[in-house]
Amino acid sequence: MSPRVDPDPTLLRTVGWSDYALLDSGLGRKLERYGHRTVVRPEPQCLWARGLDSETWDTADAVFDPSDEEDSGRWRFRDAPIEPWVSGWGAVRFNGRFTPFRHLAFFPEQAANWDWLDQTVRGAGRPLRILNLFGYTGVASLVCAAAGAQVTHVDASRKAIGWARDNAGLSGLEDHPIRWICEDARKYVQRELRRGVKYDGIILDPPKYGRGPDGEVWRLFEDLPNLVDTCAALLSPDPAFLLLNAYAERISGAALAGLLADKLEGRGGNIAWGELVLVESARQREIGMSFYARWTA
C-alpha cells in the first residue's frame, strides 16, 4: 500500500516567542531579536521594502557581512563581541552562539517542527526510540527527550556534539536516555542496519553539502535518496514517523514528499509536505526558510 501524499502543501508558520522574534525584513536582509539583542543577517529572498526605520536597523547589536562563499562572512558588533547566551523553547534550554557562519547555533523556523515532535512523542502512548541524523546542536533531540523519548543523536562535527551535550546540561536532561554519536550519518545507519536495530521515529535534517569526521563528502542531491532508503529499512514494525527537512534552493517540499513516498512504498500512512515559514511580528510578512515532508504511519 502506497503512502497517501497530501494533495496540497502546508505552510508551517513560526511566530515569535519570548527568546526570538523576526522584527522586520527587506532589501535582502532580516532584522531579528534574540533575547534582548537585535541581529541583522542576509536573506536574499527579501525583495521588498523594509517596514522599520533606518535607525532601528543601524543600531542592531550584531550584523553579519557575507563573503563570496555561501554562508561565510564575518560578524560586526556594535559593542564588544557577544558571548554565548541561553535561549529556550518549551522545556528545552540551549546556547545561542555567533558562529563563523551566519547561523546562531539554532534555526528558529524549526520551532514548528519542534512543536510537532513534542506533540507526537507525548501522544504516542509509549516511549519512542528516535534517531536524529545531522542533529547539530541538539534542540530537536532535546525536545524529543523532554517529551519522553529515547534518542540517538548523530552528527559529524565533534564541536556540534559538544554544544549539544552542553545544551542537554542547560535543559536538565543530561541523565535522560540520549546517545551522542560523532560519525558520518551514512556509515552509522548502514551499521545499525547490519545490527538489526530499529527506530520508531527518524529525523533527517541534512545540509546541502558537508564533510564527515574522516573527510567523507556529503552532497544532498546525490546522497539523500540512498540515505532515506536505509532509514526506511530502520523503521520499527510499529513506527510513528519519518521527518525530512532540507535547506536548498533547488529542492521543494513536493520533491521531498515524492522521495518519501518512493522509499516508504508498502507502508501506507500519510505524507504531509510544504515549507517552514518565519512570520514578522509587526507586518505579518512571511519568509519561507526551508522545505519539509513528514510521513506518519
Protein backbone atom coordinates (compact mmCIF):
# COMPACT_ATOMS: atom_id res chain seq x y z
CA MET A 1 0.00 0.00 0.00
CA SER A 2 1.44 3.35 -1.03
CA PRO A 3 1.56 6.25 1.42
CA ARG A 4 -1.07 8.89 0.81
CA VAL A 5 0.56 12.21 -0.14
CA ASP A 6 -1.34 15.36 0.78
CA PRO A 7 -2.57 16.99 -2.45
CA ASP A 8 -1.61 20.49 -1.28
CA PRO A 9 1.36 21.89 0.65
CA THR A 10 1.05 23.21 4.19
CA LEU A 11 2.93 26.25 5.46
CA LEU A 12 4.22 25.70 9.00
CA ARG A 13 4.41 29.20 10.42
CA THR A 14 6.71 30.15 13.30
CA VAL A 15 5.80 33.34 15.11
CA GLY A 16 7.99 34.94 17.73
CA TRP A 17 8.28 33.76 21.31
CA SER A 18 9.98 35.23 24.38
CA ASP A 19 13.50 34.41 23.17
CA TYR A 20 13.07 35.11 19.46
CA ALA A 21 11.24 37.35 17.00
CA LEU A 22 11.54 38.31 13.34
CA LEU A 23 11.16 42.08 13.68
CA ASP A 24 11.45 43.25 10.08
CA SER A 25 12.82 42.28 6.66
CA GLY A 26 13.59 43.77 3.28
CA LEU A 27 16.30 44.78 0.83
CA GLY A 28 17.93 41.35 1.15
CA ARG A 29 18.21 41.27 4.92
CA LYS A 30 16.23 40.38 8.03
CA LEU A 31 16.21 42.02 11.46
CA GLU A 32 15.73 39.58 14.33
CA ARG A 33 15.57 39.67 18.11
CA TYR A 34 17.39 37.03 20.13
CA GLY A 35 16.51 37.63 23.75
CA HIS A 36 17.18 41.36 24.20
CA ARG A 37 19.70 41.56 21.33
CA THR A 38 18.93 42.55 17.76
CA VAL A 39 20.72 40.92 14.84
CA VAL A 40 20.87 41.67 11.10
CA ARG A 41 21.51 38.76 8.74
CA PRO A 42 21.41 38.42 4.94
CA GLU A 43 18.26 36.92 3.38
CA PRO A 44 18.37 37.42 -0.40
CA GLN A 45 14.73 36.45 -0.94
CA CYS A 46 13.51 39.51 0.99
CA LEU A 47 13.00 41.60 -2.14
CA TRP A 48 10.56 44.08 -0.64
CA ALA A 49 10.99 47.40 1.21
CA ARG A 50 11.67 47.46 4.92
CA GLY A 51 8.95 48.42 7.35
CA LEU A 52 11.00 49.82 10.25
CA ASP A 53 13.12 52.97 10.12
CA SER A 54 16.84 53.01 9.31
CA GLU A 55 17.80 53.93 12.87
CA THR A 56 16.28 50.71 14.19
CA TRP A 57 18.29 48.69 11.69
CA ASP A 58 21.50 50.70 12.15
CA THR A 59 21.54 50.22 15.94
CA ALA A 60 21.45 46.40 15.80
CA ASP A 61 23.80 44.68 18.25
CA ALA A 62 25.32 42.42 15.58
CA VAL A 63 25.46 42.42 11.78
CA PHE A 64 26.65 39.60 9.53
CA ASP A 65 28.54 40.70 6.42
CA PRO A 66 28.61 37.85 3.87
CA SER A 67 31.62 36.98 1.75
CA ASP A 68 31.51 35.46 -1.71
CA GLU A 69 31.19 31.95 -0.26
CA GLU A 70 27.76 30.66 0.74
CA ASP A 71 27.00 31.26 4.45
CA SER A 72 30.55 32.53 5.07
CA GLY A 73 31.49 36.02 6.18
CA ARG A 74 32.10 37.87 9.42
CA TRP A 75 30.18 39.39 12.31
CA ARG A 76 30.37 43.07 13.26
CA PHE A 77 29.31 44.01 16.80
CA ARG A 78 28.07 47.39 17.94
CA ASP A 79 29.97 46.98 21.21
CA ALA A 80 32.12 44.11 22.48
CA PRO A 81 31.67 40.68 20.85
CA ILE A 82 28.72 38.87 22.40
CA GLU A 83 29.38 35.67 24.34
CA PRO A 84 27.06 32.64 24.10
CA TRP A 85 23.68 33.27 25.72
CA VAL A 86 20.94 30.94 26.94
CA SER A 87 17.72 30.73 24.93
CA GLY A 88 14.79 28.43 25.36
CA TRP A 89 11.81 26.83 23.72
CA GLY A 90 9.31 24.94 25.83
CA ALA A 91 11.15 22.81 28.39
CA VAL A 92 14.44 22.97 26.45
CA ARG A 93 17.31 25.39 27.01
CA PHE A 94 20.19 25.93 24.60
CA ASN A 95 23.03 28.34 23.88
CA GLY A 96 22.80 30.84 21.07
CA ARG A 97 26.21 31.49 19.54
CA PHE A 98 27.68 33.74 16.88
CA THR A 99 29.23 31.07 14.67
CA PRO A 100 31.76 31.71 11.87
CA PHE A 101 28.80 31.44 9.53
CA ARG A 102 25.58 33.45 9.50
CA HIS A 103 23.80 30.99 11.78
CA LEU A 104 23.43 31.33 15.54
CA ALA A 105 23.64 27.64 16.55
CA PHE A 106 19.92 27.01 16.16
CA PHE A 107 17.31 27.63 13.48
CA PRO A 108 14.24 29.44 14.84
CA GLU A 109 11.96 28.39 11.97
CA GLN A 110 12.38 24.82 13.21
CA ALA A 111 10.13 25.69 16.17
CA ALA A 112 7.21 24.47 14.03
CA ASN A 113 8.86 21.06 13.77
CA TRP A 114 9.80 21.08 17.46
CA ASP A 115 6.16 21.63 18.34
CA TRP A 116 5.07 18.76 16.11
CA LEU A 117 7.74 16.45 17.53
CA ASP A 118 6.76 17.33 21.09
CA GLN A 119 3.10 16.57 20.44
CA THR A 120 3.87 13.38 18.51
CA VAL A 121 6.16 11.93 21.18
CA ARG A 122 3.83 12.84 24.04
CA GLY A 123 0.81 11.48 22.18
CA ALA A 124 2.40 8.13 21.27
CA GLY A 125 1.32 6.43 24.49
CA ARG A 126 4.68 4.67 24.71
CA PRO A 127 8.36 5.66 24.87
CA LEU A 128 9.51 6.11 21.29
CA ARG A 129 13.01 5.26 20.15
CA ILE A 130 14.15 8.12 17.93
CA LEU A 131 17.15 8.62 15.62
CA ASN A 132 18.17 12.21 14.84
CA LEU A 133 20.65 12.41 11.95
CA PHE A 134 22.61 15.61 11.28
CA GLY A 135 21.43 16.60 14.79
CA TYR A 136 23.68 19.71 15.03
CA THR A 137 23.33 21.39 18.46
CA GLY A 138 20.60 19.03 19.57
CA VAL A 139 17.46 21.11 20.03
CA ALA A 140 15.21 18.58 18.26
CA SER A 141 16.86 15.74 20.18
CA LEU A 142 16.25 17.51 23.48
CA VAL A 143 12.64 18.32 22.61
CA CYS A 144 12.05 14.60 21.99
CA ALA A 145 13.92 13.57 25.15
CA ALA A 146 11.99 16.04 27.28
CA ALA A 147 8.77 14.55 25.89
CA GLY A 148 9.82 11.06 26.98
CA ALA A 149 11.69 9.55 24.00
CA GLN A 150 14.92 7.59 23.92
CA VAL A 151 17.13 9.46 21.46
CA THR A 152 20.20 8.64 19.39
CA HIS A 153 21.77 11.92 18.21
CA VAL A 154 24.23 11.70 15.30
CA ASP A 155 26.38 14.49 13.86
CA ALA A 156 29.71 14.53 12.02
CA SER A 157 31.04 17.55 13.97
CA ARG A 158 32.68 16.98 17.35
CA LYS A 159 32.16 20.66 18.14
CA ALA A 160 28.42 20.39 17.43
CA ILE A 161 28.19 17.26 19.60
CA GLY A 162 29.91 19.15 22.42
CA TRP A 163 27.48 22.06 22.08
CA ALA A 164 24.55 19.61 22.06
CA ARG A 165 25.76 17.99 25.28
CA ASP A 166 26.12 21.45 26.83
CA ASN A 167 22.53 22.16 25.83
CA ALA A 168 21.41 18.91 27.46
CA GLY A 169 23.00 20.13 30.68
CA LEU A 170 21.30 23.51 30.41
CA SER A 171 17.98 21.70 29.93
CA GLY A 172 18.48 19.36 32.89
CA LEU A 173 18.43 16.39 30.50
CA GLU A 174 21.98 15.11 30.95
CA ASP A 175 20.67 11.95 32.68
CA HIS A 176 17.97 11.22 30.11
CA PRO A 177 18.49 8.33 27.62
CA ILE A 178 20.34 10.22 24.88
CA ARG A 179 23.22 8.66 22.95
CA TRP A 180 25.66 11.15 21.40
CA ILE A 181 27.36 9.78 18.27
CA CYS A 182 30.01 11.64 16.24
CA GLU A 183 30.02 9.86 12.90
CA ASP A 184 29.11 10.16 9.25
CA ALA A 185 25.34 9.62 9.04
CA ARG A 186 25.57 7.18 6.12
CA LYS A 187 28.12 4.97 7.88
CA TYR A 188 26.10 4.99 11.07
CA VAL A 189 22.79 3.92 9.52
CA GLN A 190 24.48 1.17 7.50
CA ARG A 191 25.99 -0.25 10.68
CA GLU A 192 22.66 -0.03 12.50
CA LEU A 193 21.01 -1.86 9.59
CA ARG A 194 23.55 -4.70 9.81
CA ARG A 195 22.93 -4.92 13.55
CA GLY A 196 19.18 -5.18 13.06
CA VAL A 197 18.50 -2.04 15.15
CA LYS A 198 15.09 -0.41 14.69
CA TYR A 199 13.72 3.06 15.44
CA ASP A 200 10.16 4.28 15.95
CA GLY A 201 10.90 7.75 14.60
CA ILE A 202 13.66 9.25 12.45
CA ILE A 203 14.56 12.92 11.98
CA LEU A 204 16.60 13.84 8.91
CA ASP A 205 17.85 17.42 8.52
CA PRO A 206 20.80 17.17 6.15
CA PRO A 207 22.86 20.08 4.80
CA LYS A 208 23.24 20.73 1.10
CA TYR A 209 26.95 19.95 1.39
CA GLY A 210 29.08 18.68 4.26
CA ARG A 211 32.01 16.57 5.40
CA GLY A 212 32.16 13.68 7.82
CA PRO A 213 34.73 13.34 10.63
CA ASP A 214 37.04 11.30 8.35
CA GLY A 215 36.66 13.55 5.33
CA GLU A 216 33.58 11.86 3.87
CA VAL A 217 31.80 14.17 1.42
CA TRP A 218 28.03 14.66 1.61
CA ARG A 219 26.09 16.04 -1.35
CA LEU A 220 22.36 16.40 -0.83
CA PHE A 221 21.06 15.55 -4.30
CA GLU A 222 23.47 12.67 -4.86
CA ASP A 223 23.34 11.08 -1.39
CA LEU A 224 19.87 11.74 0.05
CA PRO A 225 17.93 9.03 -1.86
CA ASN A 226 20.13 6.18 -0.59
CA LEU A 227 20.12 7.56 2.95
CA VAL A 228 16.32 7.78 3.03
CA ASP A 229 16.14 4.25 1.65
CA THR A 230 18.30 2.97 4.53
CA CYS A 231 16.32 4.99 7.08
CA ALA A 232 13.08 3.43 5.80
CA ALA A 233 14.62 0.00 6.46
CA LEU A 234 15.48 1.07 10.03
CA LEU A 235 11.87 1.84 10.95
CA SER A 236 10.35 -0.49 13.52
CA PRO A 237 7.35 -2.74 12.81
CA ASP A 238 5.19 -0.18 14.65
CA PRO A 239 6.74 3.16 13.64
CA ALA A 240 5.49 6.65 14.37
CA PHE A 241 7.13 8.96 11.82
CA LEU A 242 9.93 9.92 9.47
CA LEU A 243 10.58 13.67 9.27
CA LEU A 244 12.72 15.08 6.45
CA ASN A 245 13.82 18.72 6.27
CA ALA A 246 16.11 20.38 3.72
CA TYR A 247 17.62 23.79 3.04
CA ALA A 248 18.47 24.01 -0.66
CA GLU A 249 17.46 26.39 -3.41
CA ARG A 250 16.74 23.62 -5.92
CA ILE A 251 14.71 21.41 -3.59
CA SER A 252 10.99 21.60 -2.78
CA GLY A 253 8.53 20.10 -0.35
CA ALA A 254 6.94 18.27 -3.27
CA ALA A 255 10.29 16.67 -4.14
CA LEU A 256 10.86 15.56 -0.55
CA ALA A 257 7.34 14.13 -0.39
CA GLY A 258 7.92 12.23 -3.62
CA LEU A 259 11.14 10.77 -2.24
CA LEU A 260 9.44 9.59 0.96
CA ALA A 261 6.55 8.11 -1.00
CA ASP A 262 9.01 6.14 -3.13
CA LYS A 263 11.13 4.83 -0.25
CA LEU A 264 8.16 4.04 2.03
CA GLU A 265 6.23 2.10 -0.58
CA GLY A 266 4.21 -0.64 1.11
CA ARG A 267 3.99 1.05 4.49
CA GLY A 268 0.83 3.06 3.93
CA GLY A 269 0.44 6.08 6.16
CA ASN A 270 0.32 9.74 5.16
CA ILE A 271 2.88 12.28 3.93
CA ALA A 272 2.39 15.97 4.70
CA TRP A 273 4.71 18.40 2.96
CA GLY A 274 5.35 22.10 2.49
CA GLU A 275 7.50 24.92 3.78
CA LEU A 276 8.72 26.27 7.11
CA VAL A 277 7.97 29.98 7.37
CA LEU A 278 9.02 32.78 9.71
CA VAL A 279 6.37 35.44 10.37
CA GLU A 280 7.25 39.07 11.08
CA SER A 281 5.96 40.31 14.43
CA ALA A 282 4.73 43.67 13.08
CA ARG A 283 3.60 43.40 9.46
CA GLN A 284 2.97 39.64 9.48
CA ARG A 285 5.05 39.32 6.31
CA GLU A 286 6.29 35.75 5.81
CA ILE A 287 9.71 34.39 4.79
CA GLY A 288 9.98 30.81 3.55
CA MET A 289 13.07 29.25 5.13
CA SER A 290 13.17 25.52 4.39
CA PHE A 291 11.16 22.64 2.98
CA TYR A 292 9.84 19.58 4.79
CA ALA A 293 8.00 16.31 4.26
CA ARG A 294 6.90 14.10 7.13
CA TRP A 295 5.47 10.63 6.98
CA THR A 296 3.24 9.32 9.74
CA ALA A 297 2.12 5.73 10.00
